PDB file of N, CA and C in Angstrom:
ATOM      1  N   UNK A   1     -51.609 -52.466 110.901  1.00  0.00           N
ATOM      2  CA  UNK A   1     -51.192 -52.670 109.023  1.00  0.00           C
ATOM      3  C   UNK A   1     -49.263 -52.076 109.100  1.00  0.00           C
ATOM      4  N   UNK A   2     -49.092 -52.312 108.711  1.00  0.00           N
ATOM      5  CA  UNK A   2     -47.493 -52.194 108.428  1.00  0.00           C
ATOM      6  C   UNK A   2     -47.516 -50.810 107.129  1.00  0.00           C
ATOM      7  N   UNK A   3     -46.225 -49.697 107.603  1.00  0.00           N
ATOM      8  CA  UNK A   3     -46.297 -48.527 107.067  1.00  0.00           C
ATOM      9  C   UNK A   3     -45.077 -48.977 105.763  1.00  0.00           C
ATOM     10  N   UNK A   4     -45.515 -49.152 104.843  1.00  0.00           N
ATOM     11  CA  UNK A   4     -44.438 -49.223 103.603  1.00  0.00           C
ATOM     12  C   UNK A   4     -43.374 -48.354 103.451  1.00  0.00           C
ATOM     13  N   UNK A   5     -42.681 -48.198 102.388  1.00  0.00           N
ATOM     14  CA  UNK A   5     -41.516 -46.753 102.957  1.00  0.00           C
ATOM     15  C   UNK A   5     -42.193 -46.263 101.626  1.00  0.00           C
ATOM     16  N   UNK A   6     -42.101 -44.851 100.927  1.00  0.00           N
ATOM     17  CA  UNK A   6     -42.213 -44.105  99.793  1.00  0.00           C
ATOM     18  C   UNK A   6     -41.723 -45.283  98.543  1.00  0.00           C
ATOM     19  N   UNK A   7     -42.171 -45.195  97.386  1.00  0.00           N
ATOM     20  CA  UNK A   7     -41.633 -45.761  96.369  1.00  0.00           C
ATOM     21  C   UNK A   7     -40.288 -44.932  95.751  1.00  0.00           C
ATOM     22  N   UNK A   8     -39.478 -45.836  95.307  1.00  0.00           N
ATOM     23  CA  UNK A   8     -38.610 -44.524  94.837  1.00  0.00           C
ATOM     24  C   UNK A   8     -38.391 -43.841  93.650  1.00  0.00           C
ATOM     25  N   UNK A   9     -38.184 -43.023  93.321  1.00  0.00           N
ATOM     26  CA  UNK A   9     -38.845 -42.028  92.021  1.00  0.00           C
ATOM     27  C   UNK A   9     -37.239 -42.679  91.151  1.00  0.00           C
ATOM     28  N   UNK A  10     -37.785 -42.611  90.107  1.00  0.00           N
ATOM     29  CA  UNK A  10     -36.461 -43.133  88.810  1.00  0.00           C
ATOM     30  C   UNK A  10     -35.147 -42.831  89.171  1.00  0.00           C
ATOM     31  N   UNK A  11     -35.263 -41.327  89.369  1.00  0.00           N
ATOM     32  CA  UNK A  11     -33.951 -41.491  89.962  1.00  0.00           C
ATOM     33  C   UNK A  11     -33.106 -41.575  91.037  1.00  0.00           C
ATOM     34  N   UNK A  12     -33.712 -42.717  92.257  1.00  0.00           N
ATOM     35  CA  UNK A  12     -33.405 -43.156  93.567  1.00  0.00           C
ATOM     36  C   UNK A  12     -33.265 -44.523  93.530  1.00  0.00           C
ATOM     37  N   UNK A  13     -33.885 -44.878  92.047  1.00  0.00           N
ATOM     38  CA  UNK A  13     -33.887 -46.479  92.342  1.00  0.00           C
ATOM     39  C   UNK A  13     -31.756 -46.964  91.580  1.00  0.00           C
ATOM     40  N   UNK A  14     -31.443 -48.378  92.891  1.00  0.00           N
ATOM     41  CA  UNK A  14     -30.456 -48.328  92.924  1.00  0.00           C
ATOM     42  C   UNK A  14     -29.875 -48.868  91.337  1.00  0.00           C
ATOM     43  N   UNK A  15     -28.475 -48.146  90.787  1.00  0.00           N
ATOM     44  CA  UNK A  15     -28.309 -49.418  89.507  1.00  0.00           C
ATOM     45  C   UNK A  15     -29.217 -48.114  88.372  1.00  0.00           C
ATOM     46  N   UNK A  16     -29.302 -46.970  88.416  1.00  0.00           N
ATOM     47  CA  UNK A  16     -30.667 -46.445  87.431  1.00  0.00           C
ATOM     48  C   UNK A  16     -29.411 -45.825  87.171  1.00  0.00           C
ATOM     49  N   UNK A  17     -29.717 -45.160  85.436  1.00  0.00           N
ATOM     50  CA  UNK A  17     -28.438 -44.354  84.882  1.00  0.00           C
ATOM     51  C   UNK A  17     -29.219 -43.365  83.748  1.00  0.00           C
ATOM     52  N   UNK A  18     -29.947 -42.203  84.183  1.00  0.00           N
ATOM     53  CA  UNK A  18     -30.783 -41.321  83.448  1.00  0.00           C
ATOM     54  C   UNK A  18     -30.552 -41.248  81.420  1.00  0.00           C
ATOM     55  N   UNK A  19     -30.985 -41.251  81.366  1.00  0.00           N
ATOM     56  CA  UNK A  19     -30.992 -40.876  80.134  1.00  0.00           C
ATOM     57  C   UNK A  19     -29.999 -39.658  79.741  1.00  0.00           C
ATOM     58  N   UNK A  20     -30.292 -38.766  80.184  1.00  0.00           N
ATOM     59  CA  UNK A  20     -29.567 -37.422  79.369  1.00  0.00           C
ATOM     60  C   UNK A  20     -27.955 -38.220  79.821  1.00  0.00           C
ATOM     61  N   UNK A  21     -27.481 -39.132  80.509  1.00  0.00           N
ATOM     62  CA  UNK A  21     -26.167 -39.316  80.736  1.00  0.00           C
ATOM     63  C   UNK A  21     -26.078 -39.841  78.880  1.00  0.00           C
ATOM     64  N   UNK A  22     -26.707 -40.166  78.558  1.00  0.00           N
ATOM     65  CA  UNK A  22     -26.659 -41.255  77.069  1.00  0.00           C
ATOM     66  C   UNK A  22     -26.581 -40.518  76.293  1.00  0.00           C
ATOM     67  N   UNK A  23     -27.374 -39.530  75.998  1.00  0.00           N
ATOM     68  CA  UNK A  23     -27.128 -38.339  75.337  1.00  0.00           C
ATOM     69  C   UNK A  23     -25.801 -37.167  74.959  1.00  0.00           C
ATOM     70  N   UNK A  24     -26.004 -37.097  74.057  1.00  0.00           N
ATOM     71  CA  UNK A  24     -24.573 -36.690  73.222  1.00  0.00           C
ATOM     72  C   UNK A  24     -24.620 -34.877  73.982  1.00  0.00           C
ATOM     73  N   UNK A  25     -24.007 -33.936  74.537  1.00  0.00           N
ATOM     74  CA  UNK A  25     -24.144 -32.988  75.009  1.00  0.00           C
ATOM     75  C   UNK A  25     -24.431 -31.532  74.098  1.00  0.00           C
ATOM     76  N   UNK A  26     -24.920 -30.570  74.197  1.00  0.00           N
ATOM     77  CA  UNK A  26     -25.976 -30.314  73.585  1.00  0.00           C
ATOM     78  C   UNK A  26     -24.358 -29.250  72.609  1.00  0.00           C
ATOM     79  N   UNK A  27     -24.199 -28.612  71.422  1.00  0.00           N
ATOM     80  CA  UNK A  27     -23.155 -28.706  70.157  1.00  0.00           C
ATOM     81  C   UNK A  27     -22.687 -27.099  70.825  1.00  0.00           C
ATOM     82  N   UNK A  28     -21.258 -27.227  71.288  1.00  0.00           N
ATOM     83  CA  UNK A  28     -21.397 -25.971  71.342  1.00  0.00           C
ATOM     84  C   UNK A  28     -20.480 -25.644  70.113  1.00  0.00           C
ATOM     85  N   UNK A  29     -20.212 -23.743  70.063  1.00  0.00           N
ATOM     86  CA  UNK A  29     -20.185 -23.213  69.143  1.00  0.00           C
ATOM     87  C   UNK A  29     -18.560 -23.228  68.754  1.00  0.00           C
ATOM     88  N   UNK A  30     -18.334 -23.576  67.527  1.00  0.00           N
ATOM     89  CA  UNK A  30     -16.649 -23.596  68.085  1.00  0.00           C
ATOM     90  C   UNK A  30     -15.850 -21.815  68.080  1.00  0.00           C
ATOM     91  N   UNK A  31     -15.129 -21.955  69.310  1.00  0.00           N
ATOM     92  CA  UNK A  31     -13.981 -20.920  69.146  1.00  0.00           C
ATOM     93  C   UNK A  31     -13.307 -19.931  68.305  1.00  0.00           C
ATOM     94  N   UNK A  32     -13.803 -19.168  68.873  1.00  0.00           N
ATOM     95  CA  UNK A  32     -13.407 -17.812  67.413  1.00  0.00           C
ATOM     96  C   UNK A  32     -11.280 -18.380  67.346  1.00  0.00           C
ATOM     97  N   UNK A  33     -11.243 -18.280  65.936  1.00  0.00           N
ATOM     98  CA  UNK A  33      -9.657 -18.273  65.755  1.00  0.00           C
ATOM     99  C   UNK A  33      -9.311 -17.233  65.449  1.00  0.00           C
ATOM    100  N   UNK A  34      -8.102 -16.318  65.909  1.00  0.00           N
ATOM    101  CA  UNK A  34      -7.587 -15.602  65.554  1.00  0.00           C
ATOM    102  C   UNK A  34      -6.707 -15.690  63.762  1.00  0.00           C
ATOM    103  N   UNK A  35      -6.644 -15.248  63.445  1.00  0.00           N
ATOM    104  CA  UNK A  35      -5.942 -15.058  62.166  1.00  0.00           C
ATOM    105  C   UNK A  35      -4.830 -14.487  62.176  1.00  0.00           C
ATOM    106  N   UNK A  36      -3.171 -15.259  61.798  1.00  0.00           N
ATOM    107  CA  UNK A  36      -2.351 -15.013  62.048  1.00  0.00           C
ATOM    108  C   UNK A  36      -1.705 -15.124  60.624  1.00  0.00           C
ATOM    109  N   UNK A  37      -1.495 -13.611  59.775  1.00  0.00           N
ATOM    110  CA  UNK A  37      -0.594 -13.823  58.835  1.00  0.00           C
ATOM    111  C   UNK A  37       1.170 -14.158  58.810  1.00  0.00           C
ATOM    112  N   UNK A  38       1.826 -14.859  58.300  1.00  0.00           N
ATOM    113  CA  UNK A  38       3.002 -15.337  58.425  1.00  0.00           C
ATOM    114  C   UNK A  38       3.383 -15.017  57.259  1.00  0.00           C
ATOM    115  N   UNK A  39       5.178 -14.017  56.818  1.00  0.00           N
ATOM    116  CA  UNK A  39       5.349 -13.868  55.908  1.00  0.00           C
ATOM    117  C   UNK A  39       6.508 -13.932  56.418  1.00  0.00           C
ATOM    118  N   UNK A  40       7.167 -15.374  55.039  1.00  0.00           N
ATOM    119  CA  UNK A  40       8.824 -15.398  55.666  1.00  0.00           C
ATOM    120  C   UNK A  40       8.660 -15.447  53.404  1.00  0.00           C
ATOM    121  N   UNK A  41      10.608 -15.211  54.108  1.00  0.00           N
ATOM    122  CA  UNK A  41      10.991 -14.665  52.621  1.00  0.00           C
ATOM    123  C   UNK A  41      12.330 -15.755  52.791  1.00  0.00           C
ATOM    124  N   UNK A  42      11.878 -16.969  51.580  1.00  0.00           N
ATOM    125  CA  UNK A  42      12.489 -18.093  51.576  1.00  0.00           C
ATOM    126  C   UNK A  42      13.984 -17.640  50.278  1.00  0.00           C
ATOM    127  N   UNK A  43      15.367 -17.957  50.494  1.00  0.00           N
ATOM    128  CA  UNK A  43      16.002 -17.380  49.604  1.00  0.00           C
ATOM    129  C   UNK A  43      15.345 -17.469  48.102  1.00  0.00           C
ATOM    130  N   UNK A  44      15.719 -16.474  46.957  1.00  0.00           N
ATOM    131  CA  UNK A  44      16.038 -17.485  46.005  1.00  0.00           C
ATOM    132  C   UNK A  44      17.083 -18.548  45.366  1.00  0.00           C
ATOM    133  N   UNK A  45      16.851 -19.227  44.430  1.00  0.00           N
ATOM    134  CA  UNK A  45      18.053 -20.224  44.167  1.00  0.00           C
ATOM    135  C   UNK A  45      18.773 -18.976  43.750  1.00  0.00           C
ATOM    136  N   UNK A  46      19.538 -18.978  43.161  1.00  0.00           N
ATOM    137  CA  UNK A  46      20.981 -18.332  42.327  1.00  0.00           C
ATOM    138  C   UNK A  46      21.706 -19.329  42.052  1.00  0.00           C
ATOM    139  N   UNK A  47      22.084 -20.126  40.659  1.00  0.00           N
ATOM    140  CA  UNK A  47      23.440 -20.681  40.068  1.00  0.00           C
ATOM    141  C   UNK A  47      24.092 -20.144  40.346  1.00  0.00           C
ATOM    142  N   UNK A  48      24.966 -21.006  41.474  1.00  0.00           N
ATOM    143  CA  UNK A  48      26.361 -20.265  41.304  1.00  0.00           C
ATOM    144  C   UNK A  48      27.497 -20.621  40.114  1.00  0.00           C
ATOM    145  N   UNK A  49      28.698 -19.705  39.948  1.00  0.00           N
ATOM    146  CA  UNK A  49      29.364 -20.903  38.878  1.00  0.00           C
ATOM    147  C   UNK A  49      30.506 -20.960  39.468  1.00  0.00           C
ATOM    148  N   UNK A  50      32.066 -20.948  39.204  1.00  0.00           N
ATOM    149  CA  UNK A  50      33.369 -21.038  39.307  1.00  0.00           C
ATOM    150  C   UNK A  50      33.549 -19.601  39.267  1.00  0.00           C
ATOM    151  N   UNK A  51      33.071 -18.794  38.813  1.00  0.00           N
ATOM    152  CA  UNK A  51      33.192 -16.785  38.913  1.00  0.00           C
ATOM    153  C   UNK A  51      32.248 -15.806  39.868  1.00  0.00           C
ATOM    154  N   UNK A  52      32.646 -15.022  40.519  1.00  0.00           N
ATOM    155  CA  UNK A  52      31.619 -14.146  40.899  1.00  0.00           C
ATOM    156  C   UNK A  52      30.450 -14.194  40.237  1.00  0.00           C
ATOM    157  N   UNK A  53      29.417 -13.628  41.159  1.00  0.00           N
ATOM    158  CA  UNK A  53      28.065 -14.026  40.687  1.00  0.00           C
ATOM    159  C   UNK A  53      27.014 -12.968  41.277  1.00  0.00           C
ATOM    160  N   UNK A  54      26.255 -11.920  40.878  1.00  0.00           N
ATOM    161  CA  UNK A  54      25.439 -10.957  41.519  1.00  0.00           C
ATOM    162  C   UNK A  54      24.312 -11.871  42.709  1.00  0.00           C
ATOM    163  N   UNK A  55      24.188 -11.667  43.200  1.00  0.00           N
ATOM    164  CA  UNK A  55      23.199 -12.227  44.305  1.00  0.00           C
ATOM    165  C   UNK A  55      23.072 -11.604  45.571  1.00  0.00           C
ATOM    166  N   UNK A  56      21.769 -11.535  46.427  1.00  0.00           N
ATOM    167  CA  UNK A  56      21.422 -11.016  47.205  1.00  0.00           C
ATOM    168  C   UNK A  56      21.985 -11.860  48.650  1.00  0.00           C
ATOM    169  N   UNK A  57      22.737 -10.915  48.914  1.00  0.00           N
ATOM    170  CA  UNK A  57      23.202 -11.809  50.139  1.00  0.00           C
ATOM    171  C   UNK A  57      22.009 -12.453  51.152  1.00  0.00           C
ATOM    172  N   UNK A  58      22.038 -13.802  51.843  1.00  0.00           N
ATOM    173  CA  UNK A  58      21.019 -13.964  52.698  1.00  0.00           C
ATOM    174  C   UNK A  58      21.382 -13.678  54.339  1.00  0.00           C
ATOM    175  N   UNK A  59      22.647 -13.220  54.605  1.00  0.00           N
ATOM    176  CA  UNK A  59      23.408 -12.357  55.632  1.00  0.00           C
ATOM    177  C   UNK A  59      22.958 -10.976  56.023  1.00  0.00           C
ATOM    178  N   UNK A  60      22.909 -10.238  55.565  1.00  0.00           N
ATOM    179  CA  UNK A  60      23.023  -8.388  55.238  1.00  0.00           C
ATOM    180  C   UNK A  60      21.996  -8.279  54.483  1.00  0.00           C
ATOM    181  N   UNK A  61      21.207  -9.021  53.506  1.00  0.00           N
ATOM    182  CA  UNK A  61      20.380  -8.509  52.412  1.00  0.00           C
ATOM    183  C   UNK A  61      21.111  -7.476  51.000  1.00  0.00           C
ATOM    184  N   UNK A  62      22.334  -7.120  50.996  1.00  0.00           N
ATOM    185  CA  UNK A  62      22.261  -6.192  50.039  1.00  0.00           C
ATOM    186  C   UNK A  62      22.786  -6.867  48.735  1.00  0.00           C
ATOM    187  N   UNK A  63      22.614  -6.293  47.505  1.00  0.00           N
ATOM    188  CA  UNK A  63      22.740  -7.189  46.327  1.00  0.00           C
ATOM    189  C   UNK A  63      24.425  -6.759  46.402  1.00  0.00           C
ATOM    190  N   UNK A  64      25.296  -8.076  45.902  1.00  0.00           N
ATOM    191  CA  UNK A  64      26.710  -7.880  46.051  1.00  0.00           C
ATOM    192  C   UNK A  64      27.343  -8.857  44.629  1.00  0.00           C
ATOM    193  N   UNK A  65      28.281  -8.554  44.421  1.00  0.00           N
ATOM    194  CA  UNK A  65      28.790  -9.639  43.215  1.00  0.00           C
ATOM    195  C   UNK A  65      30.100 -10.100  44.762  1.00  0.00           C
ATOM    196  N   UNK A  66      30.232 -11.517  44.178  1.00  0.00           N
ATOM    197  CA  UNK A  66      30.259 -12.417  44.989  1.00  0.00           C
ATOM    198  C   UNK A  66      31.563 -12.522  45.242  1.00  0.00           C
ATOM    199  N   UNK A  67      32.548 -12.927  45.806  1.00  0.00           N
ATOM    200  CA  UNK A  67      33.981 -12.818  46.390  1.00  0.00           C
ATOM    201  C   UNK A  67      34.145 -14.413  45.842  1.00  0.00           C
ATOM    202  N   UNK A  68      35.396 -15.082  45.626  1.00  0.00           N
ATOM    203  CA  UNK A  68      35.698 -16.225  44.888  1.00  0.00           C
ATOM    204  C   UNK A  68      36.935 -16.741  45.622  1.00  0.00           C
ATOM    205  N   UNK A  69      36.703 -17.426  46.865  1.00  0.00           N
ATOM    206  CA  UNK A  69      38.140 -18.349  47.104  1.00  0.00           C
ATOM    207  C   UNK A  69      37.870 -19.700  46.129  1.00  0.00           C
ATOM    208  N   UNK A  70      38.936 -20.208  45.760  1.00  0.00           N
ATOM    209  CA  UNK A  70      39.355 -21.599  45.282  1.00  0.00           C
ATOM    210  C   UNK A  70      40.001 -22.249  46.509  1.00  0.00           C
ATOM    211  N   UNK A  71      39.716 -23.551  46.528  1.00  0.00           N
ATOM    212  CA  UNK A  71      40.039 -25.050  47.487  1.00  0.00           C
ATOM    213  C   UNK A  71      40.683 -25.759  46.800  1.00  0.00           C
ATOM    214  N   UNK A  72      41.463 -26.695  46.796  1.00  0.00           N
ATOM    215  CA  UNK A  72      41.831 -27.344  46.735  1.00  0.00           C
ATOM    216  C   UNK A  72      41.165 -29.081  46.932  1.00  0.00           C
ATOM    217  N   UNK A  73      40.769 -29.602  46.519  1.00  0.00           N
ATOM    218  CA  UNK A  73      40.224 -30.613  47.442  1.00  0.00           C
ATOM    219  C   UNK A  73      40.773 -32.137  47.047  1.00  0.00           C
ATOM    220  N   UNK A  74      40.090 -33.197  47.547  1.00  0.00           N
ATOM    221  CA  UNK A  74      40.801 -34.768  47.462  1.00  0.00           C
ATOM    222  C   UNK A  74      40.673 -34.752  45.772  1.00  0.00           C
ATOM    223  N   UNK A  75      39.844 -34.582  45.156  1.00  0.00           N
ATOM    224  CA  UNK A  75      40.180 -34.559  43.520  1.00  0.00           C
ATOM    225  C   UNK A  75      41.267 -34.103  43.179  1.00  0.00           C
ATOM    226  N   UNK A  76      41.579 -33.016  43.697  1.00  0.00           N
ATOM    227  CA  UNK A  76      42.706 -31.957  42.805  1.00  0.00           C
ATOM    228  C   UNK A  76      43.972 -32.917  43.640  1.00  0.00           C
ATOM    229  N   UNK A  77      44.253 -33.088  44.575  1.00  0.00           N
ATOM    230  CA  UNK A  77      45.109 -33.857  44.841  1.00  0.00           C
ATOM    231  C   UNK A  77      45.427 -35.093  44.241  1.00  0.00           C
ATOM    232  N   UNK A  78      44.613 -35.855  43.905  1.00  0.00           N
ATOM    233  CA  UNK A  78      44.454 -37.254  43.171  1.00  0.00           C
ATOM    234  C   UNK A  78      45.040 -37.523  41.098  1.00  0.00           C
ATOM    235  N   UNK A  79      44.436 -36.207  41.293  1.00  0.00           N
ATOM    236  CA  UNK A  79      45.409 -35.299  39.749  1.00  0.00           C
ATOM    237  C   UNK A  79      46.631 -35.689  39.754  1.00  0.00           C
ATOM    238  N   UNK A  80      46.860 -34.706  40.708  1.00  0.00           N
ATOM    239  CA  UNK A  80      48.426 -34.360  40.710  1.00  0.00           C
ATOM    240  C   UNK A  80      49.490 -35.920  41.725  1.00  0.00           C
ATOM    241  N   UNK A  81      49.139 -36.754  42.215  1.00  0.00           N
ATOM    242  CA  UNK A  81      49.509 -38.129  42.520  1.00  0.00           C
ATOM    243  C   UNK A  81      49.522 -38.887  41.011  1.00  0.00           C
ATOM    244  N   UNK A  82      48.467 -38.734  39.926  1.00  0.00           N
ATOM    245  CA  UNK A  82      48.620 -40.148  38.873  1.00  0.00           C
ATOM    246  C   UNK A  82      49.381 -39.098  38.122  1.00  0.00           C
ATOM    247  N   UNK A  83      49.616 -37.424  37.811  1.00  0.00           N
ATOM    248  CA  UNK A  83      50.712 -36.925  37.691  1.00  0.00           C
ATOM    249  C   UNK A  83      51.964 -37.435  37.557  1.00  0.00           C
ATOM    250  N   UNK A  84      52.308 -37.771  38.716  1.00  0.00           N
ATOM    251  CA  UNK A  84      53.076 -37.550  39.815  1.00  0.00           C
ATOM    252  C   UNK A  84      53.771 -39.713  39.211  1.00  0.00           C
ATOM    253  N   UNK A  85      52.599 -40.426  39.493  1.00  0.00           N
ATOM    254  CA  UNK A  85      52.785 -41.630  39.154  1.00  0.00           C
ATOM    255  C   UNK A  85      53.171 -42.306  38.123  1.00  0.00           C
ATOM    256  N   UNK A  86      52.987 -41.211  36.777  1.00  0.00           N
ATOM    257  CA  UNK A  86      52.820 -41.478  35.158  1.00  0.00           C
ATOM    258  C   UNK A  86      53.918 -40.849  34.778  1.00  0.00           C
ATOM    259  N   UNK A  87      54.888 -40.072  35.717  1.00  0.00           N
ATOM    260  CA  UNK A  87      56.313 -39.889  35.270  1.00  0.00           C
ATOM    261  C   UNK A  87      56.073 -38.380  34.965  1.00  0.00           C
ATOM    262  N   UNK A  88      54.389 -37.591  35.191  1.00  0.00           N
ATOM    263  CA  UNK A  88      55.025 -36.294  34.504  1.00  0.00           C
ATOM    264  C   UNK A  88      54.924 -34.841  35.923  1.00  0.00           C
ATOM    265  N   UNK A  89      56.444 -35.767  36.799  1.00  0.00           N
ATOM    266  CA  UNK A  89      56.282 -34.750  37.986  1.00  0.00           C
ATOM    267  C   UNK A  89      56.449 -33.937  37.389  1.00  0.00           C
ATOM    268  N   UNK A  90      56.571 -32.694  36.399  1.00  0.00           N
ATOM    269  CA  UNK A  90      57.272 -31.113  36.492  1.00  0.00           C
ATOM    270  C   UNK A  90      55.718 -31.034  36.315  1.00  0.00           C
ATOM    271  N   UNK A  91      54.894 -31.894  35.660  1.00  0.00           N
ATOM    272  CA  UNK A  91      52.777 -31.253  35.779  1.00  0.00           C
ATOM    273  C   UNK A  91      52.605 -31.531  36.744  1.00  0.00           C
ATOM    274  N   UNK A  92      53.186 -31.475  37.750  1.00  0.00           N
ATOM    275  CA  UNK A  92      52.269 -32.029  39.486  1.00  0.00           C
ATOM    276  C   UNK A  92      51.419 -30.545  39.760  1.00  0.00           C
ATOM    277  N   UNK A  93      51.969 -29.385  39.630  1.00  0.00           N
ATOM    278  CA  UNK A  93      51.102 -28.096  40.228  1.00  0.00           C
ATOM    279  C   UNK A  93      50.373 -28.183  39.090  1.00  0.00           C
ATOM    280  N   UNK A  94      49.884 -28.214  38.395  1.00  0.00           N
ATOM    281  CA  UNK A  94      49.200 -27.991  37.390  1.00  0.00           C
ATOM    282  C   UNK A  94      47.685 -28.181  38.255  1.00  0.00           C
ATOM    283  N   UNK A  95      47.178 -29.413  38.638  1.00  0.00           N
ATOM    284  CA  UNK A  95      45.966 -29.233  38.790  1.00  0.00           C
ATOM    285  C   UNK A  95      45.563 -27.825  40.194  1.00  0.00           C
ATOM    286  N   UNK A  96      46.346 -27.737  40.713  1.00  0.00           N
ATOM    287  CA  UNK A  96      46.385 -26.591  41.548  1.00  0.00           C
ATOM    288  C   UNK A  96      46.393 -25.770  41.430  1.00  0.00           C
ATOM    289  N   UNK A  97      46.348 -25.244  39.914  1.00  0.00           N
ATOM    290  CA  UNK A  97      46.689 -23.830  39.263  1.00  0.00           C
ATOM    291  C   UNK A  97      45.300 -23.539  38.017  1.00  0.00           C
ATOM    292  N   UNK A  98      44.497 -24.886  37.895  1.00  0.00           N
ATOM    293  CA  UNK A  98      43.253 -23.989  37.341  1.00  0.00           C
ATOM    294  C   UNK A  98      41.892 -25.264  38.034  1.00  0.00           C
ATOM    295  N   UNK A  99      41.579 -23.729  37.966  1.00  0.00           N
ATOM    296  CA  UNK A  99      39.925 -23.785  38.314  1.00  0.00           C
ATOM    297  C   UNK A  99      39.199 -25.140  38.281  1.00  0.00           C
ATOM    298  N   UNK A 100      38.991 -25.426  37.776  1.00  0.00           N
ATOM    299  CA  UNK A 100      38.501 -26.720  37.355  1.00  0.00           C
ATOM    300  C   UNK A 100      38.558 -27.792  38.114  1.00  0.00           C
ATOM    301  N   UNK A 101      39.976 -28.216  38.792  1.00  0.00           N
ATOM    302  CA  UNK A 101      40.433 -29.341  39.317  1.00  0.00           C
ATOM    303  C   UNK A 101      39.710 -28.737  40.625  1.00  0.00           C
ATOM    304  N   UNK A 102      39.125 -27.441  41.175  1.00  0.00           N
ATOM    305  CA  UNK A 102      39.221 -27.226  42.139  1.00  0.00           C
ATOM    306  C   UNK A 102      37.572 -26.522  42.892  1.00  0.00           C
ATOM    307  N   UNK A 103      36.654 -26.440  43.803  1.00  0.00           N
ATOM    308  CA  UNK A 103      36.169 -25.907  44.213  1.00  0.00           C
ATOM    309  C   UNK A 103      36.164 -24.491  44.565  1.00  0.00           C
ATOM    310  N   UNK A 104      35.342 -23.581  44.186  1.00  0.00           N
ATOM    311  CA  UNK A 104      35.157 -22.095  44.331  1.00  0.00           C
ATOM    312  C   UNK A 104      34.107 -21.791  45.339  1.00  0.00           C
ATOM    313  N   UNK A 105      34.236 -21.390  46.587  1.00  0.00           N
ATOM    314  CA  UNK A 105      33.154 -21.045  47.699  1.00  0.00           C
ATOM    315  C   UNK A 105      33.256 -19.417  47.836  1.00  0.00           C
ATOM    316  N   UNK A 106      32.171 -19.319  47.469  1.00  0.00           N
ATOM    317  CA  UNK A 106      31.606 -17.681  47.641  1.00  0.00           C
ATOM    318  C   UNK A 106      31.202 -17.404  48.660  1.00  0.00           C
ATOM    319  N   UNK A 107      31.688 -15.958  48.644  1.00  0.00           N
ATOM    320  CA  UNK A 107      32.186 -15.369  50.136  1.00  0.00           C
ATOM    321  C   UNK A 107      31.166 -13.642  49.704  1.00  0.00           C
ATOM    322  N   UNK A 108      30.229 -12.978  50.564  1.00  0.00           N
ATOM    323  CA  UNK A 108      29.579 -11.768  50.460  1.00  0.00           C
ATOM    324  C   UNK A 108      30.475 -10.917  51.118  1.00  0.00           C
ATOM    325  N   UNK A 109      31.355 -10.300  50.056  1.00  0.00           N
ATOM    326  CA  UNK A 109      32.236  -9.098  50.135  1.00  0.00           C
ATOM    327  C   UNK A 109      32.022  -8.074  50.981  1.00  0.00           C
ATOM    328  N   UNK A 110      30.800  -7.979  51.545  1.00  0.00           N
ATOM    329  CA  UNK A 110      29.835  -6.984  52.462  1.00  0.00           C
ATOM    330  C   UNK A 110      30.469  -7.455  54.059  1.00  0.00           C
ATOM    331  N   UNK A 111      30.070  -8.331  54.906  1.00  0.00           N
ATOM    332  CA  UNK A 111      29.954  -8.733  55.958  1.00  0.00           C
ATOM    333  C   UNK A 111      30.528 -10.437  55.905  1.00  0.00           C
ATOM    334  N   UNK A 112      31.098 -10.848  54.602  1.00  0.00           N
ATOM    335  CA  UNK A 112      32.338 -12.172  54.569  1.00  0.00           C
ATOM    336  C   UNK A 112      31.457 -13.116  55.148  1.00  0.00           C
ATOM    337  N   UNK A 113      30.130 -12.891  54.869  1.00  0.00           N
ATOM    338  CA  UNK A 113      28.973 -14.266  54.552  1.00  0.00           C
ATOM    339  C   UNK A 113      29.210 -15.431  53.803  1.00  0.00           C
ATOM    340  N   UNK A 114      29.286 -17.010  54.052  1.00  0.00           N
ATOM    341  CA  UNK A 114      29.809 -17.594  53.134  1.00  0.00           C
ATOM    342  C   UNK A 114      28.671 -18.343  52.769  1.00  0.00           C
ATOM    343  N   UNK A 115      28.522 -18.351  51.503  1.00  0.00           N
ATOM    344  CA  UNK A 115      26.804 -18.068  50.451  1.00  0.00           C
ATOM    345  C   UNK A 115      26.713 -19.289  49.897  1.00  0.00           C
ATOM    346  N   UNK A 116      27.704 -19.752  49.343  1.00  0.00           N
ATOM    347  CA  UNK A 116      27.910 -21.160  48.612  1.00  0.00           C
ATOM    348  C   UNK A 116      29.159 -21.523  48.161  1.00  0.00           C
ATOM    349  N   UNK A 117      28.796 -23.003  47.817  1.00  0.00           N
ATOM    350  CA  UNK A 117      30.308 -23.739  46.975  1.00  0.00           C
ATOM    351  C   UNK A 117      30.231 -24.452  45.790  1.00  0.00           C
ATOM    352  N   UNK A 118      30.687 -24.141  44.727  1.00  0.00           N
ATOM    353  CA  UNK A 118      30.060 -24.369  43.289  1.00  0.00           C
ATOM    354  C   UNK A 118      31.198 -25.805  43.010  1.00  0.00           C
ATOM    355  N   UNK A 119      31.755 -26.723  42.545  1.00  0.00           N
ATOM    356  CA  UNK A 119      32.120 -27.902  42.666  1.00  0.00           C
ATOM    357  C   UNK A 119      32.178 -28.525  40.545  1.00  0.00           C
ATOM    358  N   UNK A 120      33.274 -28.147  40.943  1.00  0.00           N
ATOM    359  CA  UNK A 120      33.071 -28.182  38.890  1.00  0.00           C
ATOM    360  C   UNK A 120      33.730 -30.265  39.229  1.00  0.00           C
TER     361      UNK A 120
END
């Protein structure tokens, strides 16, 4: 009589994959989350005009009355050119003297930070 090898157990059979391989793993409890509270301050939009405006400076956070500096724009130059072309050359300086033809740039008087521009 010849001796036969011992029978293979289920785990030793070639090409065998245990049933536990196909089962989903046991659910793990979710990791504990730490709560972080972030407080942001969004600057409130304050309408600015051609004149000084009371505002909280976004740079130094002081309540100030803005300093206004007017600046000539391309529209100002076009009006002056138009006045010159139609023969009203003595009136060419008017657009440079009128605030309505220029942009008003607002600055903080404390820290000299730029706040905004009013375009008329």
